[in-house]
Amino acid sequence: MTPGLQAFADRDAGFRQFIDRYETVSADPETRREYAMWFDEALREEGMLDWARQEVRDEYEPRLAEAERKRKEDLEEAERKRQEDKKQIARNLKTKGMSIADIVEMTGLSTGEAEKA
């Protein structure tokens, strides 16, 4: 290849790919056969990897989704319990005669929530 053409091939990926393919098909029959065998093996391996990825996805995505749903439910339940605990504390403090402002400050409940508790 001439230096000018080589410089163009270095800058243009499409032309470089064309040159590589041309060199392959214009090679002797044994080289073409070896390339075809290599290419077939590369396709086979890629197919096996795609199959394995799909198998993993099919097996684990439902499990991951279920685990995420369960984690979300657990967090929501923990928050509900935390809020109920705060309200119970507010009720106890109200029976001891503590002011709503102090109860709000101690529990983090809103004024309305502290009054309803």
N, C-alpha and C. Protein backbone atom coordinates (compact mmCIF):
# COMPACT_ATOMS: atom_id res chain seq x y z
N MET A 1 0.85 -1.17 0.00
CA MET A 1 0.00 0.00 0.00
C MET A 1 0.90 1.23 0.00
N THR A 2 0.53 2.23 -0.76
CA THR A 2 1.33 3.44 -0.85
C THR A 2 1.23 4.22 0.46
N PRO A 3 2.24 5.05 0.76
CA PRO A 3 2.21 5.82 2.01
C PRO A 3 0.97 6.71 2.12
N GLY A 4 0.56 7.32 1.00
CA GLY A 4 -0.63 8.18 1.03
C GLY A 4 -1.89 7.38 1.33
N LEU A 5 -2.01 6.21 0.71
CA LEU A 5 -3.16 5.35 0.94
C LEU A 5 -3.14 4.80 2.37
N GLN A 6 -1.94 4.48 2.88
CA GLN A 6 -1.83 4.00 4.26
C GLN A 6 -2.26 5.08 5.24
N ALA A 7 -1.89 6.33 4.99
CA ALA A 7 -2.28 7.44 5.86
C ALA A 7 -3.80 7.60 5.85
N PHE A 8 -4.41 7.46 4.67
CA PHE A 8 -5.86 7.55 4.58
C PHE A 8 -6.53 6.41 5.34
N ALA A 9 -5.98 5.19 5.19
CA ALA A 9 -6.53 4.03 5.90
C ALA A 9 -6.42 4.21 7.41
N ASP A 10 -5.34 4.85 7.86
CA ASP A 10 -5.17 5.10 9.30
C ASP A 10 -6.21 6.06 9.83
N ARG A 11 -6.66 7.00 9.00
CA ARG A 11 -7.65 8.00 9.43
C ARG A 11 -9.09 7.53 9.24
N ASP A 12 -9.35 6.67 8.28
CA ASP A 12 -10.71 6.27 7.94
C ASP A 12 -10.95 4.81 8.32
N ALA A 13 -11.74 4.60 9.36
CA ALA A 13 -11.97 3.25 9.87
C ALA A 13 -12.69 2.38 8.84
N GLY A 14 -13.60 2.95 8.08
CA GLY A 14 -14.33 2.17 7.08
C GLY A 14 -13.41 1.68 5.97
N PHE A 15 -12.51 2.55 5.52
CA PHE A 15 -11.57 2.15 4.49
C PHE A 15 -10.61 1.10 5.04
N ARG A 16 -10.19 1.27 6.30
CA ARG A 16 -9.30 0.30 6.93
C ARG A 16 -9.97 -1.08 6.98
N GLN A 17 -11.25 -1.10 7.31
CA GLN A 17 -11.99 -2.36 7.37
C GLN A 17 -12.07 -2.98 5.97
N PHE A 18 -12.31 -2.14 4.96
CA PHE A 18 -12.35 -2.63 3.58
C PHE A 18 -11.01 -3.26 3.20
N ILE A 19 -9.91 -2.61 3.53
CA ILE A 19 -8.58 -3.12 3.19
C ILE A 19 -8.34 -4.45 3.90
N ASP A 20 -8.72 -4.52 5.18
CA ASP A 20 -8.52 -5.77 5.92
C ASP A 20 -9.30 -6.91 5.28
N ARG A 21 -10.56 -6.66 4.90
CA ARG A 21 -11.38 -7.70 4.27
C ARG A 21 -10.81 -8.07 2.89
N TYR A 22 -10.35 -7.07 2.15
CA TYR A 22 -9.78 -7.33 0.83
C TYR A 22 -8.54 -8.21 0.95
N GLU A 23 -7.71 -7.92 1.94
CA GLU A 23 -6.51 -8.73 2.14
C GLU A 23 -6.89 -10.17 2.47
N THR A 24 -7.98 -10.33 3.22
CA THR A 24 -8.42 -11.68 3.59
C THR A 24 -8.91 -12.45 2.38
N VAL A 25 -9.80 -11.85 1.60
CA VAL A 25 -10.38 -12.57 0.46
C VAL A 25 -9.40 -12.73 -0.69
N SER A 26 -8.40 -11.90 -0.75
CA SER A 26 -7.43 -12.04 -1.83
C SER A 26 -6.25 -12.93 -1.43
N ALA A 27 -6.27 -13.45 -0.21
CA ALA A 27 -5.20 -14.32 0.25
C ALA A 27 -5.35 -15.71 -0.39
N ASP A 28 -4.39 -16.55 -0.14
CA ASP A 28 -4.44 -17.91 -0.70
C ASP A 28 -5.57 -18.70 -0.06
N PRO A 29 -6.01 -19.79 -0.69
CA PRO A 29 -7.16 -20.56 -0.19
C PRO A 29 -6.97 -21.06 1.24
N GLU A 30 -5.77 -21.46 1.61
CA GLU A 30 -5.54 -21.96 2.97
C GLU A 30 -5.75 -20.86 4.00
N THR A 31 -5.28 -19.65 3.72
CA THR A 31 -5.47 -18.52 4.63
C THR A 31 -6.94 -18.18 4.74
N ARG A 32 -7.66 -18.19 3.63
CA ARG A 32 -9.11 -17.92 3.67
C ARG A 32 -9.84 -18.98 4.48
N ARG A 33 -9.44 -20.25 4.32
CA ARG A 33 -10.07 -21.32 5.08
C ARG A 33 -9.81 -21.13 6.58
N GLU A 34 -8.59 -20.80 6.95
CA GLU A 34 -8.26 -20.56 8.36
C GLU A 34 -9.06 -19.37 8.91
N TYR A 35 -9.18 -18.34 8.11
CA TYR A 35 -9.95 -17.17 8.55
C TYR A 35 -11.42 -17.55 8.74
N ALA A 36 -11.96 -18.32 7.80
CA ALA A 36 -13.37 -18.73 7.89
C ALA A 36 -13.58 -19.58 9.15
N MET A 37 -12.64 -20.46 9.45
CA MET A 37 -12.75 -21.29 10.66
C MET A 37 -12.68 -20.41 11.91
N TRP A 38 -11.76 -19.46 11.91
CA TRP A 38 -11.64 -18.55 13.05
C TRP A 38 -12.93 -17.74 13.23
N PHE A 39 -13.45 -17.23 12.11
CA PHE A 39 -14.66 -16.41 12.16
C PHE A 39 -15.85 -17.24 12.67
N ASP A 40 -15.99 -18.47 12.16
CA ASP A 40 -17.07 -19.34 12.62
C ASP A 40 -16.95 -19.62 14.12
N GLU A 41 -15.75 -19.85 14.60
CA GLU A 41 -15.54 -20.10 16.02
C GLU A 41 -15.86 -18.86 16.85
N ALA A 42 -15.48 -17.69 16.34
CA ALA A 42 -15.79 -16.44 17.05
C ALA A 42 -17.31 -16.24 17.14
N LEU A 43 -18.02 -16.52 16.06
CA LEU A 43 -19.49 -16.42 16.08
C LEU A 43 -20.10 -17.43 17.05
N ARG A 44 -19.57 -18.65 17.06
CA ARG A 44 -20.08 -19.68 17.96
C ARG A 44 -19.89 -19.24 19.42
N GLU A 45 -18.70 -18.73 19.74
CA GLU A 45 -18.43 -18.29 21.11
C GLU A 45 -19.34 -17.12 21.49
N GLU A 46 -19.53 -16.19 20.58
CA GLU A 46 -20.42 -15.05 20.86
C GLU A 46 -21.84 -15.52 21.09
N GLY A 47 -22.27 -16.49 20.30
CA GLY A 47 -23.60 -17.05 20.50
C GLY A 47 -23.74 -17.74 21.85
N MET A 48 -22.72 -18.46 22.27
CA MET A 48 -22.75 -19.11 23.57
C MET A 48 -22.79 -18.07 24.70
N LEU A 49 -22.03 -17.01 24.55
CA LEU A 49 -22.04 -15.95 25.57
C LEU A 49 -23.41 -15.27 25.63
N ASP A 50 -24.00 -15.01 24.48
CA ASP A 50 -25.34 -14.41 24.46
C ASP A 50 -26.36 -15.32 25.14
N TRP A 51 -26.29 -16.61 24.84
CA TRP A 51 -27.19 -17.58 25.45
C TRP A 51 -27.00 -17.58 26.97
N ALA A 52 -25.75 -17.60 27.43
CA ALA A 52 -25.48 -17.62 28.87
C ALA A 52 -25.99 -16.35 29.55
N ARG A 53 -25.78 -15.20 28.90
CA ARG A 53 -26.28 -13.95 29.47
C ARG A 53 -27.80 -13.98 29.59
N GLN A 54 -28.47 -14.50 28.57
CA GLN A 54 -29.93 -14.56 28.59
C GLN A 54 -30.41 -15.52 29.67
N GLU A 55 -29.73 -16.64 29.83
CA GLU A 55 -30.10 -17.59 30.88
C GLU A 55 -29.99 -16.94 32.26
N VAL A 56 -28.90 -16.23 32.49
CA VAL A 56 -28.71 -15.56 33.78
C VAL A 56 -29.80 -14.52 33.98
N ARG A 57 -30.07 -13.75 32.95
CA ARG A 57 -31.11 -12.72 33.03
C ARG A 57 -32.47 -13.33 33.35
N ASP A 58 -32.82 -14.41 32.63
CA ASP A 58 -34.11 -15.06 32.83
C ASP A 58 -34.24 -15.65 34.23
N GLU A 59 -33.13 -16.16 34.76
CA GLU A 59 -33.17 -16.80 36.07
C GLU A 59 -33.15 -15.79 37.21
N TYR A 60 -32.33 -14.76 37.10
CA TYR A 60 -32.10 -13.89 38.25
C TYR A 60 -32.91 -12.61 38.26
N GLU A 61 -33.35 -12.11 37.12
CA GLU A 61 -34.13 -10.87 37.13
C GLU A 61 -35.41 -10.99 37.94
N PRO A 62 -36.18 -12.09 37.80
CA PRO A 62 -37.38 -12.20 38.65
C PRO A 62 -37.03 -12.25 40.14
N ARG A 63 -35.94 -12.93 40.47
CA ARG A 63 -35.52 -13.00 41.87
C ARG A 63 -35.12 -11.63 42.39
N LEU A 64 -34.38 -10.89 41.56
CA LEU A 64 -33.97 -9.55 41.97
C LEU A 64 -35.17 -8.63 42.14
N ALA A 65 -36.13 -8.73 41.23
CA ALA A 65 -37.33 -7.90 41.32
C ALA A 65 -38.11 -8.24 42.58
N GLU A 66 -38.22 -9.52 42.90
CA GLU A 66 -38.93 -9.94 44.11
C GLU A 66 -38.21 -9.45 45.37
N ALA A 67 -36.90 -9.56 45.36
CA ALA A 67 -36.11 -9.08 46.51
C ALA A 67 -36.27 -7.58 46.69
N GLU A 68 -36.27 -6.85 45.59
CA GLU A 68 -36.43 -5.39 45.66
C GLU A 68 -37.83 -5.03 46.17
N ARG A 69 -38.86 -5.74 45.71
CA ARG A 69 -40.22 -5.50 46.18
C ARG A 69 -40.32 -5.79 47.68
N LYS A 70 -39.71 -6.89 48.12
CA LYS A 70 -39.74 -7.26 49.53
C LYS A 70 -39.00 -6.22 50.37
N ARG A 71 -37.85 -5.76 49.88
CA ARG A 71 -37.08 -4.74 50.61
C ARG A 71 -37.90 -3.47 50.75
N LYS A 72 -38.58 -3.09 49.67
CA LYS A 72 -39.41 -1.88 49.72
C LYS A 72 -40.55 -2.04 50.72
N GLU A 73 -41.19 -3.20 50.71
CA GLU A 73 -42.27 -3.45 51.68
C GLU A 73 -41.74 -3.41 53.11
N ASP A 74 -40.57 -4.01 53.33
CA ASP A 74 -39.97 -4.00 54.67
C ASP A 74 -39.66 -2.59 55.13
N LEU A 75 -39.14 -1.77 54.23
CA LEU A 75 -38.84 -0.38 54.59
C LEU A 75 -40.12 0.39 54.92
N GLU A 76 -41.15 0.16 54.13
CA GLU A 76 -42.43 0.84 54.40
C GLU A 76 -43.01 0.38 55.73
N GLU A 77 -42.92 -0.91 56.02
CA GLU A 77 -43.43 -1.43 57.29
C GLU A 77 -42.62 -0.86 58.46
N ALA A 78 -41.32 -0.78 58.30
CA ALA A 78 -40.47 -0.22 59.36
C ALA A 78 -40.83 1.25 59.61
N GLU A 79 -41.10 1.99 58.54
CA GLU A 79 -41.48 3.40 58.70
C GLU A 79 -42.84 3.51 59.39
N ARG A 80 -43.78 2.65 59.01
CA ARG A 80 -45.09 2.66 59.69
C ARG A 80 -44.93 2.37 61.18
N LYS A 81 -44.10 1.39 61.53
CA LYS A 81 -43.86 1.06 62.93
C LYS A 81 -43.20 2.23 63.66
N ARG A 82 -42.26 2.85 63.00
CA ARG A 82 -41.56 4.00 63.60
C ARG A 82 -42.55 5.13 63.90
N GLN A 83 -43.41 5.40 62.94
CA GLN A 83 -44.42 6.45 63.14
C GLN A 83 -45.38 6.07 64.28
N GLU A 84 -45.78 4.80 64.32
CA GLU A 84 -46.68 4.36 65.39
C GLU A 84 -45.99 4.47 66.75
N ASP A 85 -44.71 4.13 66.80
CA ASP A 85 -43.95 4.27 68.05
C ASP A 85 -43.91 5.72 68.51
N LYS A 86 -43.69 6.63 67.55
CA LYS A 86 -43.66 8.06 67.89
C LYS A 86 -45.01 8.49 68.45
N LYS A 87 -46.09 8.01 67.84
CA LYS A 87 -47.43 8.38 68.31
C LYS A 87 -47.69 7.81 69.71
N GLN A 88 -47.21 6.58 69.96
CA GLN A 88 -47.37 6.00 71.29
C GLN A 88 -46.60 6.81 72.33
N ILE A 89 -45.41 7.22 71.97
CA ILE A 89 -44.62 8.07 72.88
C ILE A 89 -45.35 9.38 73.14
N ALA A 90 -45.92 9.96 72.07
CA ALA A 90 -46.66 11.21 72.22
C ALA A 90 -47.86 11.01 73.15
N ARG A 91 -48.57 9.89 72.99
CA ARG A 91 -49.71 9.62 73.89
C ARG A 91 -49.26 9.52 75.34
N ASN A 92 -48.15 8.81 75.55
CA ASN A 92 -47.62 8.66 76.91
C ASN A 92 -47.22 10.01 77.50
N LEU A 93 -46.58 10.83 76.68
CA LEU A 93 -46.15 12.15 77.17
C LEU A 93 -47.35 13.05 77.45
N LYS A 94 -48.39 12.94 76.61
CA LYS A 94 -49.60 13.74 76.85
C LYS A 94 -50.25 13.35 78.17
N THR A 95 -50.28 12.05 78.48
CA THR A 95 -50.89 11.62 79.74
C THR A 95 -50.08 12.10 80.93
N LYS A 96 -48.81 12.38 80.73
CA LYS A 96 -47.96 12.90 81.81
C LYS A 96 -48.02 14.41 81.89
N GLY A 97 -48.83 15.03 81.00
CA GLY A 97 -49.04 16.47 81.06
C GLY A 97 -48.02 17.30 80.31
N MET A 98 -47.24 16.72 79.42
CA MET A 98 -46.25 17.50 78.67
C MET A 98 -46.96 18.31 77.58
N SER A 99 -46.42 19.48 77.28
CA SER A 99 -47.04 20.34 76.29
C SER A 99 -46.85 19.77 74.87
N ILE A 100 -47.76 20.15 73.98
CA ILE A 100 -47.70 19.69 72.58
C ILE A 100 -46.40 20.16 71.93
N ALA A 101 -45.95 21.36 72.22
CA ALA A 101 -44.71 21.89 71.63
C ALA A 101 -43.53 21.01 72.04
N ASP A 102 -43.48 20.60 73.29
CA ASP A 102 -42.39 19.74 73.75
C ASP A 102 -42.49 18.35 73.13
N ILE A 103 -43.71 17.86 73.00
CA ILE A 103 -43.91 16.54 72.38
C ILE A 103 -43.45 16.57 70.92
N VAL A 104 -43.82 17.64 70.21
CA VAL A 104 -43.40 17.80 68.80
C VAL A 104 -41.88 17.81 68.72
N GLU A 105 -41.25 18.54 69.61
CA GLU A 105 -39.78 18.65 69.60
C GLU A 105 -39.14 17.30 69.90
N MET A 106 -39.69 16.55 70.83
CA MET A 106 -39.09 15.28 71.23
C MET A 106 -39.35 14.15 70.24
N THR A 107 -40.50 14.14 69.63
CA THR A 107 -40.86 13.01 68.75
C THR A 107 -40.63 13.27 67.27
N GLY A 108 -40.61 14.54 66.89
CA GLY A 108 -40.49 14.85 65.46
C GLY A 108 -41.81 14.77 64.72
N LEU A 109 -42.89 14.55 65.45
CA LEU A 109 -44.22 14.55 64.83
C LEU A 109 -44.64 15.98 64.53
N SER A 110 -45.57 16.13 63.60
CA SER A 110 -46.12 17.46 63.35
C SER A 110 -47.05 17.80 64.50
N THR A 111 -47.41 19.06 64.61
CA THR A 111 -48.32 19.49 65.68
C THR A 111 -49.64 18.75 65.58
N GLY A 112 -50.16 18.65 64.38
CA GLY A 112 -51.43 17.95 64.17
C GLY A 112 -51.35 16.49 64.58
N GLU A 113 -50.26 15.84 64.21
CA GLU A 113 -50.09 14.43 64.57
C GLU A 113 -49.97 14.27 66.10
N ALA A 114 -49.25 15.17 66.73
CA ALA A 114 -49.07 15.11 68.18
C ALA A 114 -50.40 15.35 68.89
N GLU A 115 -51.21 16.26 68.37
CA GLU A 115 -52.51 16.52 69.00
C GLU A 115 -53.45 15.33 68.84
N LYS A 116 -53.40 14.64 67.68
CA LYS A 116 -54.29 13.51 67.43
C LYS A 116 -53.86 12.26 68.21
N ALA A 117 -52.59 12.17 68.53
CA ALA A 117 -52.05 10.97 69.19
C ALA A 117 -52.71 10.70 70.53
